[in-house]
N, C-alpha and C. Protein backbone atom coordinates (compact mmCIF):
# COMPACT_ATOMS: atom_id res chain seq x y z
N MET A 1 -22.81 25.75 -33.19
CA MET A 1 -22.29 24.47 -32.73
C MET A 1 -21.79 24.53 -31.29
N GLY A 2 -20.67 25.20 -31.04
CA GLY A 2 -20.17 25.25 -29.66
C GLY A 2 -19.28 24.00 -29.38
N PHE A 3 -18.91 23.94 -28.14
CA PHE A 3 -18.01 22.97 -27.58
C PHE A 3 -18.69 21.64 -27.32
N ARG A 4 -18.01 20.55 -27.44
CA ARG A 4 -18.54 19.21 -27.00
C ARG A 4 -18.13 18.96 -25.56
N GLU A 5 -18.95 18.17 -24.98
CA GLU A 5 -18.58 17.74 -23.60
C GLU A 5 -18.27 18.81 -22.62
N ARG A 6 -19.20 19.85 -22.46
CA ARG A 6 -18.92 21.00 -21.61
C ARG A 6 -18.95 20.61 -20.20
N VAL A 7 -19.59 19.58 -19.79
CA VAL A 7 -19.74 19.05 -18.51
C VAL A 7 -19.35 17.61 -18.50
N ILE A 8 -18.54 17.25 -17.58
CA ILE A 8 -18.18 15.78 -17.49
C ILE A 8 -18.61 15.23 -16.09
N THR A 9 -18.92 13.93 -16.08
CA THR A 9 -19.31 13.35 -14.89
C THR A 9 -18.35 12.29 -14.46
N LEU A 10 -17.94 12.21 -13.19
CA LEU A 10 -17.13 11.29 -12.58
C LEU A 10 -17.91 10.50 -11.55
N ASP A 11 -18.08 9.20 -11.78
CA ASP A 11 -18.75 8.30 -10.80
C ASP A 11 -17.89 7.88 -9.69
N PHE A 12 -18.46 7.79 -8.48
CA PHE A 12 -17.76 7.42 -7.32
C PHE A 12 -18.59 6.29 -6.75
N ASP A 13 -19.11 5.33 -7.45
CA ASP A 13 -19.91 4.29 -6.93
C ASP A 13 -19.06 3.42 -6.01
N ASP A 14 -17.66 3.43 -6.08
CA ASP A 14 -16.90 2.62 -5.27
C ASP A 14 -16.83 3.11 -3.82
N LEU A 15 -17.34 4.41 -3.68
CA LEU A 15 -17.49 4.87 -2.31
C LEU A 15 -18.89 4.78 -1.79
N GLY A 16 -19.86 4.82 -2.67
CA GLY A 16 -21.23 4.72 -2.18
C GLY A 16 -22.09 4.72 -3.43
N GLU A 17 -23.26 4.02 -3.32
CA GLU A 17 -24.19 3.98 -4.43
C GLU A 17 -24.65 5.37 -4.88
N GLY A 18 -24.50 5.56 -6.18
CA GLY A 18 -25.05 6.84 -6.84
C GLY A 18 -24.17 8.03 -6.65
N MET A 19 -23.00 7.90 -6.06
CA MET A 19 -22.15 9.10 -5.68
C MET A 19 -21.43 9.52 -7.04
N PHE A 20 -21.46 10.84 -7.28
CA PHE A 20 -20.87 11.31 -8.47
C PHE A 20 -20.52 12.77 -8.27
N VAL A 21 -19.73 13.36 -9.32
CA VAL A 21 -19.41 14.71 -9.38
C VAL A 21 -19.55 15.13 -10.83
N LYS A 22 -20.35 16.19 -11.09
CA LYS A 22 -20.41 16.74 -12.44
C LYS A 22 -19.73 18.09 -12.34
N MET A 23 -18.76 18.28 -13.32
CA MET A 23 -17.96 19.50 -13.29
C MET A 23 -17.77 20.00 -14.74
N ARG A 24 -17.54 21.30 -14.82
CA ARG A 24 -17.22 21.90 -16.15
C ARG A 24 -15.94 21.25 -16.62
N ASN A 25 -15.94 21.00 -17.87
CA ASN A 25 -14.78 20.31 -18.53
C ASN A 25 -13.56 21.24 -18.41
N PRO A 26 -12.50 20.90 -17.67
CA PRO A 26 -11.34 21.73 -17.50
C PRO A 26 -10.71 22.19 -18.75
N GLN A 27 -10.88 21.31 -19.92
CA GLN A 27 -10.27 21.71 -21.20
C GLN A 27 -10.78 23.01 -21.74
N LEU A 28 -12.09 23.29 -21.25
CA LEU A 28 -12.78 24.48 -21.84
C LEU A 28 -12.79 25.67 -20.93
N VAL A 29 -12.03 25.54 -19.90
CA VAL A 29 -12.08 26.59 -18.92
C VAL A 29 -10.79 27.60 -19.01
N PRO A 30 -10.94 28.86 -19.11
CA PRO A 30 -9.78 29.74 -19.18
C PRO A 30 -8.77 29.45 -18.09
N VAL A 31 -7.45 29.62 -18.50
CA VAL A 31 -6.42 29.23 -17.52
C VAL A 31 -6.54 30.01 -16.21
N ASP A 32 -6.88 31.28 -16.20
CA ASP A 32 -6.91 32.09 -15.08
C ASP A 32 -7.95 31.49 -13.98
N GLN A 33 -8.85 30.79 -14.57
CA GLN A 33 -9.85 30.12 -13.60
C GLN A 33 -9.32 28.79 -12.91
N LEU A 34 -8.14 28.33 -13.45
CA LEU A 34 -7.61 27.13 -12.97
C LEU A 34 -6.31 27.39 -12.15
N SER A 35 -5.95 28.67 -11.92
CA SER A 35 -4.75 29.05 -11.25
C SER A 35 -4.94 29.60 -9.94
N PRO A 36 -4.40 29.03 -8.80
CA PRO A 36 -4.61 29.65 -7.52
C PRO A 36 -4.02 31.04 -7.45
N ALA A 37 -4.77 31.90 -6.77
CA ALA A 37 -4.32 33.24 -6.58
C ALA A 37 -3.38 33.43 -5.44
N ASP A 38 -2.29 34.06 -5.63
CA ASP A 38 -1.36 34.61 -4.72
C ASP A 38 -0.84 33.52 -3.73
N ILE A 39 -0.33 32.41 -4.21
CA ILE A 39 0.11 31.41 -3.30
C ILE A 39 1.65 31.46 -3.43
N GLU A 40 2.31 31.76 -2.32
CA GLU A 40 3.77 31.87 -2.31
C GLU A 40 4.30 30.46 -2.27
N LEU A 41 5.44 30.27 -3.06
CA LEU A 41 6.08 28.99 -3.15
C LEU A 41 7.48 29.07 -2.52
N ASP A 42 7.93 27.95 -1.86
CA ASP A 42 9.32 27.87 -1.30
C ASP A 42 10.27 27.55 -2.52
N ALA A 43 11.56 27.51 -2.09
CA ALA A 43 12.61 27.17 -3.13
C ALA A 43 12.37 25.86 -3.88
N ASN A 44 11.65 25.01 -3.34
CA ASN A 44 11.39 23.64 -3.97
C ASN A 44 10.03 23.64 -4.75
N GLY A 45 9.43 24.83 -4.87
CA GLY A 45 8.16 24.98 -5.60
C GLY A 45 6.95 24.51 -4.88
N GLN A 46 7.11 24.24 -3.43
CA GLN A 46 6.00 23.85 -2.72
C GLN A 46 5.35 25.12 -2.01
N PRO A 47 4.02 25.13 -1.71
CA PRO A 47 3.46 26.28 -1.14
C PRO A 47 4.01 26.41 0.31
N LYS A 48 4.22 27.67 0.54
CA LYS A 48 4.69 27.99 1.99
C LYS A 48 3.63 27.84 2.99
N ASP A 49 2.38 28.15 2.66
CA ASP A 49 1.24 27.90 3.54
C ASP A 49 0.32 26.95 2.92
N ARG A 50 0.37 25.64 3.44
CA ARG A 50 -0.54 24.54 2.98
C ARG A 50 -1.99 24.78 3.08
N LYS A 51 -2.37 25.44 4.20
CA LYS A 51 -3.84 25.69 4.41
C LYS A 51 -4.33 26.72 3.44
N LYS A 52 -3.50 27.71 3.08
CA LYS A 52 -3.92 28.76 2.13
C LYS A 52 -3.89 28.14 0.70
N ALA A 53 -2.97 27.19 0.42
CA ALA A 53 -2.97 26.55 -0.87
C ALA A 53 -4.19 25.68 -1.07
N GLN A 54 -4.56 24.92 0.04
CA GLN A 54 -5.79 24.00 -0.05
C GLN A 54 -7.04 24.88 -0.25
N ALA A 55 -7.10 25.97 0.43
CA ALA A 55 -8.30 26.86 0.33
C ALA A 55 -8.40 27.37 -1.10
N ALA A 56 -7.20 27.69 -1.66
CA ALA A 56 -7.22 28.14 -3.08
C ALA A 56 -7.71 27.05 -4.02
N SER A 57 -7.12 25.81 -3.76
CA SER A 57 -7.55 24.72 -4.63
C SER A 57 -9.08 24.42 -4.44
N ASN A 58 -9.58 24.42 -3.27
CA ASN A 58 -10.95 24.22 -3.07
C ASN A 58 -11.86 25.25 -3.84
N ALA A 59 -11.33 26.59 -3.76
CA ALA A 59 -12.09 27.59 -4.55
C ALA A 59 -12.19 27.24 -5.97
N ILE A 60 -11.07 26.82 -6.51
CA ILE A 60 -11.04 26.49 -8.01
C ILE A 60 -12.00 25.30 -8.14
N LEU A 61 -11.96 24.22 -7.43
CA LEU A 61 -12.83 23.16 -7.63
C LEU A 61 -14.22 23.55 -7.47
N ALA A 62 -14.62 24.45 -6.53
CA ALA A 62 -15.99 24.77 -6.22
C ALA A 62 -16.53 25.58 -7.52
N GLY A 63 -15.59 26.22 -8.26
CA GLY A 63 -16.04 26.98 -9.41
C GLY A 63 -16.24 26.07 -10.62
N LEU A 64 -15.72 24.86 -10.52
CA LEU A 64 -15.90 23.82 -11.63
C LEU A 64 -17.09 22.98 -11.36
N ILE A 65 -17.35 22.63 -10.13
CA ILE A 65 -18.44 21.66 -9.76
C ILE A 65 -19.75 22.31 -10.02
N VAL A 66 -20.59 21.49 -10.86
CA VAL A 66 -22.00 22.02 -11.09
C VAL A 66 -23.01 21.22 -10.44
N ASP A 67 -22.66 19.94 -9.97
CA ASP A 67 -23.59 19.14 -9.27
C ASP A 67 -22.88 17.99 -8.71
N TRP A 68 -23.42 17.38 -7.64
CA TRP A 68 -22.76 16.22 -7.09
C TRP A 68 -23.75 15.51 -6.11
N LEU A 69 -23.44 14.28 -5.84
CA LEU A 69 -23.94 13.58 -4.64
C LEU A 69 -22.75 13.09 -3.96
N MET A 70 -22.45 13.77 -2.85
CA MET A 70 -21.25 13.46 -2.00
C MET A 70 -21.73 13.58 -0.55
N TYR A 71 -21.23 12.70 0.26
CA TYR A 71 -21.55 12.66 1.64
C TYR A 71 -20.38 13.23 2.50
N ASP A 72 -20.78 13.61 3.62
CA ASP A 72 -19.85 14.26 4.67
C ASP A 72 -18.98 13.29 5.26
N ALA A 73 -17.72 13.31 4.87
CA ALA A 73 -16.74 12.25 5.31
C ALA A 73 -16.49 12.41 6.85
N LEU A 74 -16.74 13.57 7.44
CA LEU A 74 -16.45 13.79 8.82
C LEU A 74 -17.67 13.54 9.72
N SER A 75 -18.84 13.11 9.09
CA SER A 75 -20.11 12.83 9.87
C SER A 75 -19.84 11.72 10.78
N GLU A 76 -20.41 11.83 12.06
CA GLU A 76 -20.33 10.79 12.98
C GLU A 76 -21.64 10.08 13.08
N GLU A 77 -22.53 10.45 12.21
CA GLU A 77 -23.85 9.74 12.13
C GLU A 77 -23.79 8.40 11.54
N ASP A 78 -24.68 7.47 11.83
CA ASP A 78 -24.65 6.12 11.22
C ASP A 78 -24.78 6.30 9.70
N VAL A 79 -25.60 7.24 9.23
CA VAL A 79 -25.83 7.39 7.93
C VAL A 79 -25.33 8.87 7.54
N ALA A 80 -24.33 9.00 6.87
CA ALA A 80 -23.68 10.36 6.67
C ALA A 80 -24.78 11.20 5.75
N LEU A 81 -24.80 12.47 6.12
CA LEU A 81 -25.71 13.41 5.40
C LEU A 81 -25.03 13.85 4.10
N PRO A 82 -25.90 14.03 3.08
CA PRO A 82 -25.23 14.62 1.80
C PRO A 82 -24.81 16.01 2.01
N LEU A 83 -23.75 16.33 1.28
CA LEU A 83 -23.25 17.73 1.33
C LEU A 83 -24.06 18.60 0.35
N PRO A 84 -24.22 19.84 0.68
CA PRO A 84 -24.82 20.70 -0.32
C PRO A 84 -24.09 20.95 -1.59
N THR A 85 -24.73 21.14 -2.71
CA THR A 85 -24.17 21.51 -3.89
C THR A 85 -24.18 23.03 -3.91
N THR A 86 -22.99 23.62 -3.93
CA THR A 86 -22.81 24.98 -3.82
C THR A 86 -21.58 25.51 -4.47
N ALA A 87 -21.52 26.79 -4.84
CA ALA A 87 -20.28 27.36 -5.25
C ALA A 87 -19.30 27.73 -4.15
N ASP A 88 -19.78 27.58 -2.96
CA ASP A 88 -18.93 27.82 -1.72
C ASP A 88 -18.04 26.72 -1.54
N PRO A 89 -16.73 26.94 -1.43
CA PRO A 89 -15.70 25.87 -1.36
C PRO A 89 -15.66 25.18 0.05
N SER A 90 -16.36 25.67 1.03
CA SER A 90 -16.27 25.04 2.39
C SER A 90 -16.63 23.61 2.40
N PRO A 91 -17.74 23.16 1.74
CA PRO A 91 -18.07 21.64 1.82
C PRO A 91 -16.90 20.79 1.34
N LEU A 92 -16.11 21.29 0.47
CA LEU A 92 -14.93 20.53 0.05
C LEU A 92 -14.09 20.06 1.15
N ASN A 93 -14.07 20.78 2.23
CA ASN A 93 -13.26 20.36 3.42
C ASN A 93 -13.79 19.14 4.09
N ARG A 94 -14.94 18.64 3.67
CA ARG A 94 -15.57 17.55 4.23
C ARG A 94 -15.74 16.35 3.21
N VAL A 95 -15.08 16.44 2.19
CA VAL A 95 -15.02 15.43 1.09
C VAL A 95 -13.83 14.50 1.30
N PRO A 96 -13.97 13.20 1.05
CA PRO A 96 -12.89 12.32 1.13
C PRO A 96 -11.73 12.79 0.26
N ALA A 97 -10.52 12.55 0.80
CA ALA A 97 -9.26 12.95 0.02
C ALA A 97 -9.18 12.20 -1.16
N TYR A 98 -9.66 11.03 -1.29
CA TYR A 98 -9.68 10.28 -2.56
C TYR A 98 -10.46 11.04 -3.68
N VAL A 99 -11.58 11.63 -3.35
CA VAL A 99 -12.38 12.33 -4.38
C VAL A 99 -11.62 13.60 -4.81
N LEU A 100 -11.06 14.38 -3.84
CA LEU A 100 -10.27 15.57 -4.27
C LEU A 100 -9.06 15.21 -5.14
N THR A 101 -8.39 14.10 -4.76
CA THR A 101 -7.22 13.67 -5.65
C THR A 101 -7.69 13.28 -6.97
N ARG A 102 -8.86 12.51 -7.11
CA ARG A 102 -9.32 12.16 -8.44
C ARG A 102 -9.76 13.40 -9.26
N LEU A 103 -10.31 14.32 -8.65
CA LEU A 103 -10.75 15.59 -9.36
C LEU A 103 -9.54 16.30 -9.85
N GLY A 104 -8.49 16.36 -8.97
CA GLY A 104 -7.30 17.06 -9.36
C GLY A 104 -6.60 16.40 -10.47
N ASN A 105 -6.51 15.04 -10.45
CA ASN A 105 -6.02 14.20 -11.55
C ASN A 105 -6.75 14.47 -12.83
N GLU A 106 -8.02 14.48 -12.69
CA GLU A 106 -8.90 14.65 -13.96
C GLU A 106 -8.64 15.99 -14.65
N ILE A 107 -8.47 17.08 -13.78
CA ILE A 107 -8.13 18.37 -14.20
C ILE A 107 -6.78 18.29 -14.97
N GLY A 108 -5.78 17.76 -14.26
CA GLY A 108 -4.44 17.69 -14.91
C GLY A 108 -4.43 16.95 -16.22
N GLU A 109 -5.11 15.75 -16.21
CA GLU A 109 -5.12 14.98 -17.42
C GLU A 109 -5.87 15.61 -18.63
N ARG A 110 -6.92 16.39 -18.33
CA ARG A 110 -7.53 16.99 -19.40
C ARG A 110 -6.90 18.34 -19.92
N VAL A 111 -6.23 19.01 -19.00
CA VAL A 111 -5.52 20.22 -19.45
C VAL A 111 -4.28 19.90 -20.06
N ASN A 112 -3.51 18.82 -19.63
CA ASN A 112 -2.34 18.45 -20.15
C ASN A 112 -2.36 17.03 -20.57
N PRO A 113 -3.04 16.69 -21.66
CA PRO A 113 -3.13 15.32 -22.12
C PRO A 113 -1.80 14.79 -22.63
N LYS A 114 -1.64 13.48 -22.36
CA LYS A 114 -0.33 12.84 -22.71
C LYS A 114 -0.46 12.33 -24.11
């Protein structure tokens, strides 16, 4: 039998026709794969090093994403080039913040349903 809905698809047609992200369902991922490694927090529970924390978050997202059609938000071309689909987190630095926020929210809602 196995798990249902192992991969979920989020549509981003509001940003561009056909844009989407397919990712492993966070409900089915072991907790250690959703936890950033070695991020020091301050007294308020915020990361001391925001760049290191963002890099750790991008690494987690890269491990979840299995396919996408996403364009380079930093492109200065008239028609932005699509970003490669890869397990490398570096393309996530060129994704619109809206997409990263929505992916983070999706993870949170699926791991901690209300």
